[in-house]
Amino acid sequence: MPLIETNFGSALPIDGYGPGFFRVGGVVYPGGIVIRAQGLVGWEGYADRAPLLALSGEIDVLFIGTGPEIAHLPRDLIAALEQAGLMAEPMATPSAARTYNVLLSEGRRVAAALLPMPGTPVPAA
């Protein structure tokens, strides 16, 4: 089967992740992130709503990576997102990162808010 390289253009895909970090554009970001095609910001978790609400009108779907397993989102968070016109899909963080990249490669208006995977980060060499 031939391999076809994905071209993201100037959009920001997620290169990888590990315990406590995400790698985007070759740069390692500790902790959680909110990412979309045009950039990313740090994210402190469900109570940190400002970066999520700032996406209103900019995206069609928001994937929320809930860690190693899928989890229910807090009801008040869902209500705040719906009031802002945002549709959120909770997923395990690995699934959310992959799905974000696939839809981004299709040119879709997508974002992901990702909680980091647990564990002790490996020190940079």
PDB file of N, CA and C in Angstrom:
ATOM      1  N   MET A   1       0.845  -1.160   0.000  1.00  0.00           N
ATOM      2  CA  MET A   1       0.000   0.000   0.000  1.00  0.00           C
ATOM      3  C   MET A   1       0.907   1.245   0.000  1.00  0.00           C
ATOM      4  N   PRO A   2       0.674   2.169  -0.935  1.00  0.00           N
ATOM      5  CA  PRO A   2       1.509   3.369  -0.970  1.00  0.00           C
ATOM      6  C   PRO A   2       1.151   4.308   0.174  1.00  0.00           C
ATOM      7  N   LEU A   3       2.159   4.970   0.681  1.00  0.00           N
ATOM      8  CA  LEU A   3       1.950   5.972   1.719  1.00  0.00           C
ATOM      9  C   LEU A   3       1.804   7.334   1.065  1.00  0.00           C
ATOM     10  N   ILE A   4       0.831   8.079   1.521  1.00  0.00           N
ATOM     11  CA  ILE A   4       0.599   9.418   0.986  1.00  0.00           C
ATOM     12  C   ILE A   4       0.844  10.410   2.106  1.00  0.00           C
ATOM     13  N   GLU A   5       1.770  11.318   1.882  1.00  0.00           N
ATOM     14  CA  GLU A   5       2.081  12.320   2.898  1.00  0.00           C
ATOM     15  C   GLU A   5       0.945  13.328   2.986  1.00  0.00           C
ATOM     16  N   THR A   6       0.569  13.645   4.211  1.00  0.00           N
ATOM     17  CA  THR A   6      -0.489  14.616   4.437  1.00  0.00           C
ATOM     18  C   THR A   6       0.102  16.012   4.416  1.00  0.00           C
ATOM     19  N   ASN A   7      -0.556  16.915   3.698  1.00  0.00           N
ATOM     20  CA  ASN A   7      -0.116  18.297   3.645  1.00  0.00           C
ATOM     21  C   ASN A   7      -1.117  19.151   4.410  1.00  0.00           C
ATOM     22  N   PHE A   8      -0.661  19.751   5.497  1.00  0.00           N
ATOM     23  CA  PHE A   8      -1.526  20.591   6.313  1.00  0.00           C
ATOM     24  C   PHE A   8      -1.428  22.068   5.919  1.00  0.00           C
ATOM     25  N   GLY A   9      -0.615  22.380   4.914  1.00  0.00           N
ATOM     26  CA  GLY A   9      -0.426  23.782   4.530  1.00  0.00           C
ATOM     27  C   GLY A   9       0.162  24.554   5.695  1.00  0.00           C
ATOM     28  N   SER A  10      -0.443  25.681   6.014  1.00  0.00           N
ATOM     29  CA  SER A  10       0.057  26.487   7.135  1.00  0.00           C
ATOM     30  C   SER A  10      -0.655  26.153   8.448  1.00  0.00           C
ATOM     31  N   ALA A  11      -1.580  25.188   8.426  1.00  0.00           N
ATOM     32  CA  ALA A  11      -2.325  24.802   9.634  1.00  0.00           C
ATOM     33  C   ALA A  11      -1.422  24.030  10.592  1.00  0.00           C
ATOM     34  N   LEU A  12      -1.774  24.050  11.870  1.00  0.00           N
ATOM     35  CA  LEU A  12      -0.986  23.401  12.913  1.00  0.00           C
ATOM     36  C   LEU A  12      -1.535  22.021  13.282  1.00  0.00           C
ATOM     37  N   PRO A  13      -0.891  20.943  12.823  1.00  0.00           N
ATOM     38  CA  PRO A  13      -1.285  19.617  13.276  1.00  0.00           C
ATOM     39  C   PRO A  13      -0.564  19.276  14.581  1.00  0.00           C
ATOM     40  N   ILE A  14      -1.059  18.266  15.248  1.00  0.00           N
ATOM     41  CA  ILE A  14      -0.398  17.750  16.452  1.00  0.00           C
ATOM     42  C   ILE A  14       0.605  16.704  15.988  1.00  0.00           C
ATOM     43  N   ASP A  15       1.886  16.938  16.303  1.00  0.00           N
ATOM     44  CA  ASP A  15       2.943  16.003  15.899  1.00  0.00           C
ATOM     45  C   ASP A  15       2.995  14.782  16.798  1.00  0.00           C
ATOM     46  N   GLY A  16       2.713  14.972  18.087  1.00  0.00           N
ATOM     47  CA  GLY A  16       2.794  13.863  19.020  1.00  0.00           C
ATOM     48  C   GLY A  16       2.400  14.312  20.417  1.00  0.00           C
ATOM     49  N   TYR A  17       2.383  13.349  21.324  1.00  0.00           N
ATOM     50  CA  TYR A  17       2.056  13.638  22.721  1.00  0.00           C
ATOM     51  C   TYR A  17       2.693  12.565  23.578  1.00  0.00           C
ATOM     52  N   GLY A  18       2.788  12.854  24.840  1.00  0.00           N
ATOM     53  CA  GLY A  18       3.333  11.896  25.795  1.00  0.00           C
ATOM     54  C   GLY A  18       2.884  12.289  27.178  1.00  0.00           C
ATOM     55  N   PRO A  19       3.468  11.690  28.190  1.00  0.00           N
ATOM     56  CA  PRO A  19       3.047  11.999  29.553  1.00  0.00           C
ATOM     57  C   PRO A  19       3.269  13.478  29.884  1.00  0.00           C
ATOM     58  N   GLY A  20       2.186  14.224  30.005  1.00  0.00           N
ATOM     59  CA  GLY A  20       2.268  15.621  30.429  1.00  0.00           C
ATOM     60  C   GLY A  20       2.622  16.628  29.358  1.00  0.00           C
ATOM     61  N   PHE A  21       2.643  16.246  28.076  1.00  0.00           N
ATOM     62  CA  PHE A  21       3.026  17.214  27.041  1.00  0.00           C
ATOM     63  C   PHE A  21       2.403  16.893  25.690  1.00  0.00           C
ATOM     64  N   PHE A  22       2.452  17.912  24.815  1.00  0.00           N
ATOM     65  CA  PHE A  22       2.072  17.771  23.403  1.00  0.00           C
ATOM     66  C   PHE A  22       3.202  18.365  22.578  1.00  0.00           C
ATOM     67  N   ARG A  23       3.442  17.814  21.389  1.00  0.00           N
ATOM     68  CA  ARG A  23       4.433  18.367  20.470  1.00  0.00           C
ATOM     69  C   ARG A  23       3.687  18.866  19.235  1.00  0.00           C
ATOM     70  N   VAL A  24       3.869  20.153  18.943  1.00  0.00           N
ATOM     71  CA  VAL A  24       3.220  20.808  17.810  1.00  0.00           C
ATOM     72  C   VAL A  24       4.279  21.617  17.079  1.00  0.00           C
ATOM     73  N   GLY A  25       4.432  21.366  15.789  1.00  0.00           N
ATOM     74  CA  GLY A  25       5.438  22.099  15.013  1.00  0.00           C
ATOM     75  C   GLY A  25       6.843  21.903  15.546  1.00  0.00           C
ATOM     76  N   GLY A  26       7.115  20.725  16.122  1.00  0.00           N
ATOM     77  CA  GLY A  26       8.436  20.430  16.662  1.00  0.00           C
ATOM     78  C   GLY A  26       8.702  21.037  18.029  1.00  0.00           C
ATOM     79  N   VAL A  27       7.744  21.765  18.587  1.00  0.00           N
ATOM     80  CA  VAL A  27       7.901  22.400  19.893  1.00  0.00           C
ATOM     81  C   VAL A  27       7.084  21.627  20.919  1.00  0.00           C
ATOM     82  N   VAL A  28       7.666  21.369  22.081  1.00  0.00           N
ATOM     83  CA  VAL A  28       6.979  20.648  23.148  1.00  0.00           C
ATOM     84  C   VAL A  28       6.271  21.652  24.054  1.00  0.00           C
ATOM     85  N   TYR A  29       4.985  21.412  24.295  1.00  0.00           N
ATOM     86  CA  TYR A  29       4.157  22.248  25.170  1.00  0.00           C
ATOM     87  C   TYR A  29       3.725  21.412  26.368  1.00  0.00           C
ATOM     88  N   PRO A  30       4.155  21.779  27.575  1.00  0.00           N
ATOM     89  CA  PRO A  30       3.728  21.024  28.748  1.00  0.00           C
ATOM     90  C   PRO A  30       2.284  21.347  29.107  1.00  0.00           C
ATOM     91  N   GLY A  31       1.591  20.369  29.680  1.00  0.00           N
ATOM     92  CA  GLY A  31       0.221  20.595  30.134  1.00  0.00           C
ATOM     93  C   GLY A  31      -0.777  20.509  29.010  1.00  0.00           C
ATOM     94  N   GLY A  32      -1.995  20.993  29.295  1.00  0.00           N
ATOM     95  CA  GLY A  32      -3.069  20.960  28.322  1.00  0.00           C
ATOM     96  C   GLY A  32      -2.954  22.073  27.295  1.00  0.00           C
ATOM     97  N   ILE A  33      -3.593  21.860  26.144  1.00  0.00           N
ATOM     98  CA  ILE A  33      -3.582  22.867  25.075  1.00  0.00           C
ATOM     99  C   ILE A  33      -4.962  22.972  24.441  1.00  0.00           C
ATOM    100  N   VAL A  34      -5.219  24.132  23.856  1.00  0.00           N
ATOM    101  CA  VAL A  34      -6.336  24.326  22.930  1.00  0.00           C
ATOM    102  C   VAL A  34      -5.678  24.674  21.606  1.00  0.00           C
ATOM    103  N   ILE A  35      -5.947  23.874  20.587  1.00  0.00           N
ATOM    104  CA  ILE A  35      -5.291  24.053  19.291  1.00  0.00           C
ATOM    105  C   ILE A  35      -6.334  24.165  18.184  1.00  0.00           C
ATOM    106  N   ARG A  36      -6.031  25.028  17.236  1.00  0.00           N
ATOM    107  CA  ARG A  36      -6.801  25.128  15.992  1.00  0.00           C
ATOM    108  C   ARG A  36      -5.803  25.435  14.897  1.00  0.00           C
ATOM    109  N   ALA A  37      -6.256  25.515  13.676  1.00  0.00           N
ATOM    110  CA  ALA A  37      -5.350  25.662  12.530  1.00  0.00           C
ATOM    111  C   ALA A  37      -4.405  26.852  12.686  1.00  0.00           C
ATOM    112  N   GLN A  38      -4.889  27.954  13.263  1.00  0.00           N
ATOM    113  CA  GLN A  38      -4.118  29.190  13.311  1.00  0.00           C
ATOM    114  C   GLN A  38      -3.209  29.323  14.526  1.00  0.00           C
ATOM    115  N   GLY A  39      -3.312  28.470  15.517  1.00  0.00           N
ATOM    116  CA  GLY A  39      -2.443  28.607  16.681  1.00  0.00           C
ATOM    117  C   GLY A  39      -2.911  27.782  17.858  1.00  0.00           C
ATOM    118  N   LEU A  40      -2.205  27.930  18.956  1.00  0.00           N
ATOM    119  CA  LEU A  40      -2.582  27.210  20.164  1.00  0.00           C
ATOM    120  C   LEU A  40      -2.308  28.061  21.389  1.00  0.00           C
ATOM    121  N   VAL A  41      -3.000  27.716  22.464  1.00  0.00           N
ATOM    122  CA  VAL A  41      -2.803  28.345  23.772  1.00  0.00           C
ATOM    123  C   VAL A  41      -2.820  27.241  24.815  1.00  0.00           C
ATOM    124  N   GLY A  42      -2.262  27.542  25.975  1.00  0.00           N
ATOM    125  CA  GLY A  42      -2.311  26.598  27.083  1.00  0.00           C
ATOM    126  C   GLY A  42      -3.734  26.483  27.603  1.00  0.00           C
ATOM    127  N   TRP A  43      -4.036  25.342  28.215  1.00  0.00           N
ATOM    128  CA  TRP A  43      -5.373  25.102  28.753  1.00  0.00           C
ATOM    129  C   TRP A  43      -5.252  24.398  30.086  1.00  0.00           C
ATOM    130  N   GLU A  44      -5.916  24.946  31.092  1.00  0.00           N
ATOM    131  CA  GLU A  44      -5.830  24.419  32.448  1.00  0.00           C
ATOM    132  C   GLU A  44      -6.914  23.402  32.777  1.00  0.00           C
ATOM    133  N   GLY A  45      -7.787  23.101  31.855  1.00  0.00           N
ATOM    134  CA  GLY A  45      -8.822  22.107  32.113  1.00  0.00           C
ATOM    135  C   GLY A  45     -10.217  22.694  32.047  1.00  0.00           C
ATOM    136  N   TYR A  46     -11.185  21.932  32.469  1.00  0.00           N
ATOM    137  CA  TYR A  46     -12.594  22.266  32.295  1.00  0.00           C
ATOM    138  C   TYR A  46     -12.993  23.630  32.845  1.00  0.00           C
ATOM    139  N   ALA A  47     -12.406  24.058  33.930  1.00  0.00           N
ATOM    140  CA  ALA A  47     -12.766  25.354  34.518  1.00  0.00           C
ATOM    141  C   ALA A  47     -12.199  26.525  33.715  1.00  0.00           C
ATOM    142  N   ASP A  48     -11.221  26.279  32.860  1.00  0.00           N
ATOM    143  CA  ASP A  48     -10.577  27.311  32.044  1.00  0.00           C
ATOM    144  C   ASP A  48     -11.366  27.454  30.743  1.00  0.00           C
ATOM    145  N   ARG A  49     -12.431  28.224  30.798  1.00  0.00           N
ATOM    146  CA  ARG A  49     -13.376  28.289  29.673  1.00  0.00           C
ATOM    147  C   ARG A  49     -13.058  29.372  28.646  1.00  0.00           C
ATOM    148  N   ALA A  50     -12.329  30.392  29.025  1.00  0.00           N
ATOM    149  CA  ALA A  50     -12.081  31.514  28.112  1.00  0.00           C
ATOM    150  C   ALA A  50     -11.494  31.063  26.776  1.00  0.00           C
ATOM    151  N   PRO A  51     -10.455  30.188  26.760  1.00  0.00           N
ATOM    152  CA  PRO A  51      -9.915  29.773  25.450  1.00  0.00           C
ATOM    153  C   PRO A  51     -10.925  29.001  24.602  1.00  0.00           C
ATOM    154  N   LEU A  52     -11.846  28.312  25.250  1.00  0.00           N
ATOM    155  CA  LEU A  52     -12.857  27.557  24.514  1.00  0.00           C
ATOM    156  C   LEU A  52     -13.917  28.493  23.951  1.00  0.00           C
ATOM    157  N   LEU A  53     -14.400  29.401  24.780  1.00  0.00           N
ATOM    158  CA  LEU A  53     -15.445  30.326  24.344  1.00  0.00           C
ATOM    159  C   LEU A  53     -14.939  31.280  23.265  1.00  0.00           C
ATOM    160  N   ALA A  54     -13.632  31.543  23.242  1.00  0.00           N
ATOM    161  CA  ALA A  54     -13.045  32.411  22.215  1.00  0.00           C
ATOM    162  C   ALA A  54     -13.147  31.791  20.821  1.00  0.00           C
ATOM    163  N   LEU A  55     -13.432  30.490  20.747  1.00  0.00           N
ATOM    164  CA  LEU A  55     -13.552  29.795  19.466  1.00  0.00           C
ATOM    165  C   LEU A  55     -14.917  29.978  18.815  1.00  0.00           C
ATOM    166  N   SER A  56     -15.849  30.584  19.524  1.00  0.00           N
ATOM    167  CA  SER A  56     -17.212  30.754  19.018  1.00  0.00           C
ATOM    168  C   SER A  56     -17.209  31.474  17.669  1.00  0.00           C
ATOM    169  N   GLY A  57     -17.885  30.885  16.698  1.00  0.00           N
ATOM    170  CA  GLY A  57     -17.970  31.453  15.361  1.00  0.00           C
ATOM    171  C   GLY A  57     -16.771  31.159  14.480  1.00  0.00           C
ATOM    172  N   GLU A  58     -15.729  30.551  15.049  1.00  0.00           N
ATOM    173  CA  GLU A  58     -14.489  30.282  14.306  1.00  0.00           C
ATOM    174  C   GLU A  58     -14.374  28.836  13.839  1.00  0.00           C
ATOM    175  N   ILE A  59     -15.096  27.925  14.505  1.00  0.00           N
ATOM    176  CA  ILE A  59     -14.945  26.499  14.213  1.00  0.00           C
ATOM    177  C   ILE A  59     -16.322  25.839  14.087  1.00  0.00           C
ATOM    178  N   ASP A  60     -16.328  24.647  13.523  1.00  0.00           N
ATOM    179  CA  ASP A  60     -17.556  23.872  13.405  1.00  0.00           C
ATOM    180  C   ASP A  60     -17.683  22.816  14.498  1.00  0.00           C
ATOM    181  N   VAL A  61     -16.549  22.308  14.973  1.00  0.00           N
ATOM    182  CA  VAL A  61     -16.578  21.290  16.025  1.00  0.00           C
ATOM    183  C   VAL A  61     -15.341  21.426  16.909  1.00  0.00           C
ATOM    184  N   LEU A  62     -15.548  21.157  18.190  1.00  0.00           N
ATOM    185  CA  LEU A  62     -14.477  21.196  19.188  1.00  0.00           C
ATOM    186  C   LEU A  62     -14.361  19.806  19.802  1.00  0.00           C
ATOM    187  N   PHE A  63     -13.213  19.188  19.642  1.00  0.00           N
ATOM    188  CA  PHE A  63     -12.950  17.909  20.285  1.00  0.00           C
ATOM    189  C   PHE A  63     -12.316  18.192  21.636  1.00  0.00           C
ATOM    190  N   ILE A  64     -12.822  17.550  22.669  1.00  0.00           N
ATOM    191  CA  ILE A  64     -12.252  17.730  24.006  1.00  0.00           C
ATOM    192  C   ILE A  64     -11.641  16.405  24.432  1.00  0.00           C
ATOM    193  N   GLY A  65     -10.318  16.402  24.537  1.00  0.00           N
ATOM    194  CA  GLY A  65      -9.580  15.219  24.975  1.00  0.00           C
ATOM    195  C   GLY A  65      -9.613  15.143  26.486  1.00  0.00           C
ATOM    196  N   THR A  66     -10.242  14.100  27.004  1.00  0.00           N
ATOM    197  CA  THR A  66     -10.509  13.991  28.439  1.00  0.00           C
ATOM    198  C   THR A  66      -9.448  13.195  29.196  1.00  0.00           C
ATOM    199  N   GLY A  67      -8.297  12.939  28.577  1.00  0.00           N
ATOM    200  CA  GLY A  67      -7.251  12.138  29.209  1.00  0.00           C
ATOM    201  C   GLY A  67      -7.189  10.757  28.585  1.00  0.00           C
ATOM    202  N   PRO A  68      -6.716   9.767  29.335  1.00  0.00           N
ATOM    203  CA  PRO A  68      -6.526   8.435  28.745  1.00  0.00           C
ATOM    204  C   PRO A  68      -7.823   7.703  28.421  1.00  0.00           C
ATOM    205  N   GLU A  69      -8.903   8.086  29.052  1.00  0.00           N
ATOM    206  CA  GLU A  69     -10.205   7.454  28.815  1.00  0.00           C
ATOM    207  C   GLU A  69     -11.236   8.535  28.509  1.00  0.00           C
ATOM    208  N   ILE A  70     -12.269   8.176  27.764  1.00  0.00           N
ATOM    209  CA  ILE A  70     -13.355   9.111  27.528  1.00  0.00           C
ATOM    210  C   ILE A  70     -14.089   9.346  28.847  1.00  0.00           C
ATOM    211  N   ALA A  71     -14.502  10.576  29.065  1.00  0.00           N
ATOM    212  CA  ALA A  71     -15.219  10.931  30.291  1.00  0.00           C
ATOM    213  C   ALA A  71     -16.325  11.916  29.947  1.00  0.00           C
ATOM    214  N   HIS A  72     -17.334  11.957  30.796  1.00  0.00           N
ATOM    215  CA  HIS A  72     -18.402  12.932  30.619  1.00  0.00           C
ATOM    216  C   HIS A  72     -17.869  14.324  30.937  1.00  0.00           C
ATOM    217  N   LEU A  73     -18.300  15.307  30.157  1.00  0.00           N
ATOM    218  CA  LEU A  73     -17.947  16.694  30.428  1.00  0.00           C
ATOM    219  C   LEU A  73     -18.891  17.242  31.490  1.00  0.00           C
ATOM    220  N   PRO A  74     -18.424  18.191  32.311  1.00  0.00           N
ATOM    221  CA  PRO A  74     -19.316  18.803  33.290  1.00  0.00           C
ATOM    222  C   PRO A  74     -20.513  19.455  32.582  1.00  0.00           C
ATOM    223  N   ARG A  75     -21.689  19.282  33.145  1.00  0.00           N
ATOM    224  CA  ARG A  75     -22.913  19.806  32.522  1.00  0.00           C
ATOM    225  C   ARG A  75     -22.856  21.316  32.326  1.00  0.00           C
ATOM    226  N   ASP A  76     -22.290  22.034  33.298  1.00  0.00           N
ATOM    227  CA  ASP A  76     -22.233  23.487  33.158  1.00  0.00           C
ATOM    228  C   ASP A  76     -21.286  23.902  32.039  1.00  0.00           C
ATOM    229  N   LEU A  77     -20.255  23.109  31.774  1.00  0.00           N
ATOM    230  CA  LEU A  77     -19.357  23.392  30.643  1.00  0.00           C
ATOM    231  C   LEU A  77     -20.101  23.176  29.330  1.00  0.00           C
ATOM    232  N   ILE A  78     -20.830  22.078  29.227  1.00  0.00           N
ATOM    233  CA  ILE A  78     -21.610  21.803  28.013  1.00  0.00           C
ATOM    234  C   ILE A  78     -22.599  22.940  27.765  1.00  0.00           C
ATOM    235  N   ALA A  79     -23.274  23.377  28.814  1.00  0.00           N
ATOM    236  CA  ALA A  79     -24.261  24.454  28.673  1.00  0.00           C
ATOM    237  C   ALA A  79     -23.597  25.748  28.205  1.00  0.00           C
ATOM    238  N   ALA A  80     -22.439  26.082  28.769  1.00  0.00           N
ATOM    239  CA  ALA A  80     -21.731  27.311  28.376  1.00  0.00           C
ATOM    240  C   ALA A  80     -21.288  27.234  26.918  1.00  0.00           C
ATOM    241  N   LEU A  81     -20.797  26.078  26.504  1.00  0.00           N
ATOM    242  CA  LEU A  81     -20.358  25.911  25.113  1.00  0.00           C
ATOM    243  C   LEU A  81     -21.546  25.990  24.157  1.00  0.00           C
ATOM    244  N   GLU A  82     -22.637  25.333  24.512  1.00  0.00           N
ATOM    245  CA  GLU A  82     -23.826  25.380  23.652  1.00  0.00           C
ATOM    246  C   GLU A  82     -24.368  26.791  23.543  1.00  0.00           C
ATOM    247  N   GLN A  83     -24.355  27.519  24.640  1.00  0.00           N
ATOM    248  CA  GLN A  83     -24.831  28.910  24.619  1.00  0.00           C
ATOM    249  C   GLN A  83     -23.967  29.766  23.694  1.00  0.00           C
ATOM    250  N   ALA A  84     -22.680  29.429  23.599  1.00  0.00           N
ATOM    251  CA  ALA A  84     -21.769  30.162  22.713  1.00  0.00           C
ATOM    252  C   ALA A  84     -21.830  29.633  21.281  1.00  0.00           C
ATOM    253  N   GLY A  85     -22.679  28.631  21.025  1.00  0.00           N
ATOM    254  CA  GLY A  85     -22.806  28.084  19.680  1.00  0.00           C
ATOM    255  C   GLY A  85     -21.733  27.078  19.314  1.00  0.00           C
ATOM    256  N   LEU A  86     -21.106  26.480  20.314  1.00  0.00           N
ATOM    257  CA  LEU A  86     -20.032  25.515  20.079  1.00  0.00           C
ATOM    258  C   LEU A  86     -20.527  24.094  20.323  1.00  0.00           C
ATOM    259  N   MET A  87     -20.215  23.199  19.397  1.00  0.00           N
ATOM    260  CA  MET A  87     -20.524  21.792  19.571  1.00  0.00           C
ATOM    261  C   MET A  87     -19.266  21.085  20.040  1.00  0.00           C
ATOM    262  N   ALA A  88     -19.332  20.446  21.191  1.00  0.00           N
ATOM    263  CA  ALA A  88     -18.169  19.758  21.757  1.00  0.00           C
ATOM    264  C   ALA A  88     -18.372  18.254  21.711  1.00  0.00           C
ATOM    265  N   GLU A  89     -17.309  17.554  21.341  1.00  0.00           N
ATOM    266  CA  GLU A  89     -17.301  16.092  21.299  1.00  0.00           C
ATOM    267  C   GLU A  89     -16.225  15.596  22.255  1.00  0.00           C
ATOM    268  N   PRO A  90     -16.611  15.007  23.399  1.00  0.00           N
ATOM    269  CA  PRO A  90     -15.585  14.456  24.293  1.00  0.00           C
ATOM    270  C   PRO A  90     -15.046  13.145  23.747  1.00  0.00           C
ATOM    271  N   MET A  91     -13.740  12.960  23.903  1.00  0.00           N
ATOM    272  CA  MET A  91     -13.062  11.735  23.464  1.00  0.00           C
ATOM    273  C   MET A  91     -11.858  11.543  24.367  1.00  0.00           C
ATOM    274  N   ALA A  92     -11.307  10.356  24.381  1.00  0.00           N
ATOM    275  CA  ALA A  92     -10.007  10.169  25.011  1.00  0.00           C
ATOM    276  C   ALA A  92      -9.007  11.051  24.262  1.00  0.00           C
ATOM    277  N   THR A  93      -8.016  11.569  24.967  1.00  0.00           N
ATOM    278  CA  THR A  93      -7.061  12.496  24.351  1.00  0.00           C
ATOM    279  C   THR A  93      -6.398  11.928  23.089  1.00  0.00           C
ATOM    280  N   PRO A  94      -5.911  10.671  23.087  1.00  0.00           N
ATOM    281  CA  PRO A  94      -5.305  10.169  21.841  1.00  0.00           C
ATOM    282  C   PRO A  94      -6.273  10.198  20.657  1.00  0.00           C
ATOM    283  N   SER A  95      -7.518   9.814  20.881  1.00  0.00           N
ATOM    284  CA  SER A  95      -8.521   9.829  19.806  1.00  0.00           C
ATOM    285  C   SER A  95      -8.819  11.249  19.351  1.00  0.00           C
ATOM    286  N   ALA A  96      -8.918  12.174  20.296  1.00  0.00           N
ATOM    287  CA  ALA A  96      -9.195  13.573  19.949  1.00  0.00           C
ATOM    288  C   ALA A  96      -8.065  14.160  19.117  1.00  0.00           C
ATOM    289  N   ALA A  97      -6.818  13.857  19.469  1.00  0.00           N
ATOM    290  CA  ALA A  97      -5.669  14.376  18.716  1.00  0.00           C
ATOM    291  C   ALA A  97      -5.670  13.826  17.284  1.00  0.00           C
ATOM    292  N   ARG A  98      -5.919  12.538  17.141  1.00  0.00           N
ATOM    293  CA  ARG A  98      -5.948  11.930  15.788  1.00  0.00           C
ATOM    294  C   ARG A  98      -7.092  12.486  14.958  1.00  0.00           C
ATOM    295  N   THR A  99      -8.264  12.581  15.558  1.00  0.00           N
ATOM    296  CA  THR A  99      -9.437  13.065  14.825  1.00  0.00           C
ATOM    297  C   THR A  99      -9.245  14.520  14.413  1.00  0.00           C
ATOM    298  N   TYR A 100      -8.676  15.333  15.301  1.00  0.00           N
ATOM    299  CA  TYR A 100      -8.359  16.726  14.975  1.00  0.00           C
ATOM    300  C   TYR A 100      -7.466  16.769  13.728  1.00  0.00           C
ATOM    301  N   ASN A 101      -6.397  15.973  13.717  1.00  0.00           N
ATOM    302  CA  ASN A 101      -5.479  15.988  12.579  1.00  0.00           C
ATOM    303  C   ASN A 101      -6.160  15.558  11.282  1.00  0.00           C
ATOM    304  N   VAL A 102      -6.998  14.535  11.332  1.00  0.00           N
ATOM    305  CA  VAL A 102      -7.679  14.061  10.120  1.00  0.00           C
ATOM    306  C   VAL A 102      -8.579  15.162   9.557  1.00  0.00           C
ATOM    307  N   LEU A 103      -9.403  15.758  10.415  1.00  0.00           N
ATOM    308  CA  LEU A 103     -10.314  16.798   9.921  1.00  0.00           C
ATOM    309  C   LEU A 103      -9.550  18.050   9.494  1.00  0.00           C
ATOM    310  N   LEU A 104      -8.465  18.358  10.191  1.00  0.00           N
ATOM    311  CA  LEU A 104      -7.631  19.492   9.793  1.00  0.00           C
ATOM    312  C   LEU A 104      -7.056  19.271   8.398  1.00  0.00           C
ATOM    313  N   SER A 105      -6.635  18.041   8.101  1.00  0.00           N
ATOM    314  CA  SER A 105      -6.067  17.735   6.782  1.00  0.00           C
ATOM    315  C   SER A 105      -7.115  17.857   5.678  1.00  0.00           C
ATOM    316  N   GLU A 106      -8.392  17.763   6.052  1.00  0.00           N
ATOM    317  CA  GLU A 106      -9.481  17.926   5.090  1.00  0.00           C
ATOM    318  C   GLU A 106      -9.904  19.376   4.937  1.00  0.00           C
ATOM    319  N   GLY A 107      -9.232  20.278   5.667  1.00  0.00           N
ATOM    320  CA  GLY A 107      -9.553  21.695   5.573  1.00  0.00           C
ATOM    321  C   GLY A 107     -10.753  22.116   6.407  1.00  0.00           C
ATOM    322  N   ARG A 108     -11.165  21.282   7.333  1.00  0.00           N
ATOM    323  CA  ARG A 108     -12.332  21.580   8.165  1.00  0.00           C
ATOM    324  C   ARG A 108     -11.993  22.612   9.238  1.00  0.00           C
ATOM    325  N   ARG A 109     -13.007  23.325   9.683  1.00  0.00           N
ATOM    326  CA  ARG A 109     -12.859  24.316  10.763  1.00  0.00           C
ATOM    327  C   ARG A 109     -13.022  23.579  12.097  1.00  0.00           C
ATOM    328  N   VAL A 110     -11.904  23.150  12.650  1.00  0.00           N
ATOM    329  CA  VAL A 110     -11.903  22.270  13.805  1.00  0.00           C
ATOM    330  C   VAL A 110     -10.905  22.771  14.841  1.00  0.00           C
ATOM    331  N   ALA A 111     -11.165  22.431  16.102  1.00  0.00           N
ATOM    332  CA  ALA A 111     -10.236  22.739  17.200  1.00  0.00           C
ATOM    333  C   ALA A 111     -10.271  21.577  18.180  1.00  0.00           C
ATOM    334  N   ALA A 112      -9.255  21.519  19.030  1.00  0.00           N
ATOM    335  CA  ALA A 112      -9.209  20.493  20.073  1.00  0.00           C
ATOM    336  C   ALA A 112      -8.704  21.113  21.362  1.00  0.00           C
ATOM    337  N   ALA A 113      -9.382  20.792  22.451  1.00  0.00           N
ATOM    338  CA  ALA A 113      -8.934  21.141  23.798  1.00  0.00           C
ATOM    339  C   ALA A 113      -8.507  19.823  24.422  1.00  0.00           C
ATOM    340  N   LEU A 114      -7.228  19.714  24.753  1.00  0.00           N
ATOM    341  CA  LEU A 114      -6.674  18.415  25.132  1.00  0.00           C
ATOM    342  C   LEU A 114      -6.054  18.434  26.520  1.00  0.00           C
ATOM    343  N   LEU A 115      -6.566  17.565  27.384  1.00  0.00           N
ATOM    344  CA  LEU A 115      -5.921  17.333  28.671  1.00  0.00           C
ATOM    345  C   LEU A 115      -4.741  16.402  28.419  1.00  0.00           C
ATOM    346  N   PRO A 116      -3.605  16.630  29.087  1.00  0.00           N
ATOM    347  CA  PRO A 116      -2.442  15.785  28.837  1.00  0.00           C
ATOM    348  C   PRO A 116      -2.632  14.370  29.389  1.00  0.00           C
ATOM    349  N   MET A 117      -1.862  13.472  28.858  1.00  0.00           N
ATOM    350  CA  MET A 117      -1.848  12.096  29.352  1.00  0.00           C
ATOM    351  C   MET A 117      -1.094  12.072  30.681  1.00  0.00           C
ATOM    352  N   PRO A 118      -1.491  11.195  31.580  1.00  0.00           N
ATOM    353  CA  PRO A 118      -0.821  11.136  32.876  1.00  0.00           C
ATOM    354  C   PRO A 118       0.558  10.512  32.763  1.00  0.00           C
ATOM    355  N   GLY A 119       1.336  10.670  33.798  1.00  0.00           N
ATOM    356  CA  GLY A 119       2.663  10.067  33.862  1.00  0.00           C
ATOM    357  C   GLY A 119       3.724  11.134  34.021  1.00  0.00           C
ATOM    358  N   THR A 120       4.906  10.686  34.245  1.00  0.00           N
ATOM    359  CA  THR A 120       6.038  11.583  34.427  1.00  0.00           C
ATOM    360  C   THR A 120       6.684  11.846  33.089  1.00  0.00           C
ATOM    361  N   PRO A 121       6.779  13.126  32.687  1.00  0.00           N
ATOM    362  CA  PRO A 121       7.422  13.437  31.414  1.00  0.00           C
ATOM    363  C   PRO A 121       8.886  12.984  31.392  1.00  0.00           C
ATOM    364  N   VAL A 122       9.316  12.514  30.249  1.00  0.00           N
ATOM    365  CA  VAL A 122      10.708  12.141  30.058  1.00  0.00           C
ATOM    366  C   VAL A 122      11.518  13.403  29.864  1.00  0.00           C
ATOM    367  N   PRO A 123      12.615  13.612  30.614  1.00  0.00           N
ATOM    368  CA  PRO A 123      13.415  14.833  30.447  1.00  0.00           C
ATOM    369  C   PRO A 123      13.976  14.929  29.031  1.00  0.00           C
ATOM    370  N   ALA A 124      14.043  16.161  28.520  1.00  0.00           N
ATOM    371  CA  ALA A 124      14.599  16.389  27.185  1.00  0.00           C
ATOM    372  C   ALA A 124      16.079  16.054  27.185  1.00  0.00           C
ATOM    373  N   ALA A 125      16.532  15.414  26.114  1.00  0.00           N
ATOM    374  CA  ALA A 125      17.958  15.019  26.019  1.00  0.00           C
ATOM    375  C   ALA A 125      18.802  16.163  25.534  1.00  0.00           C
TER     376      ALA A 125
END
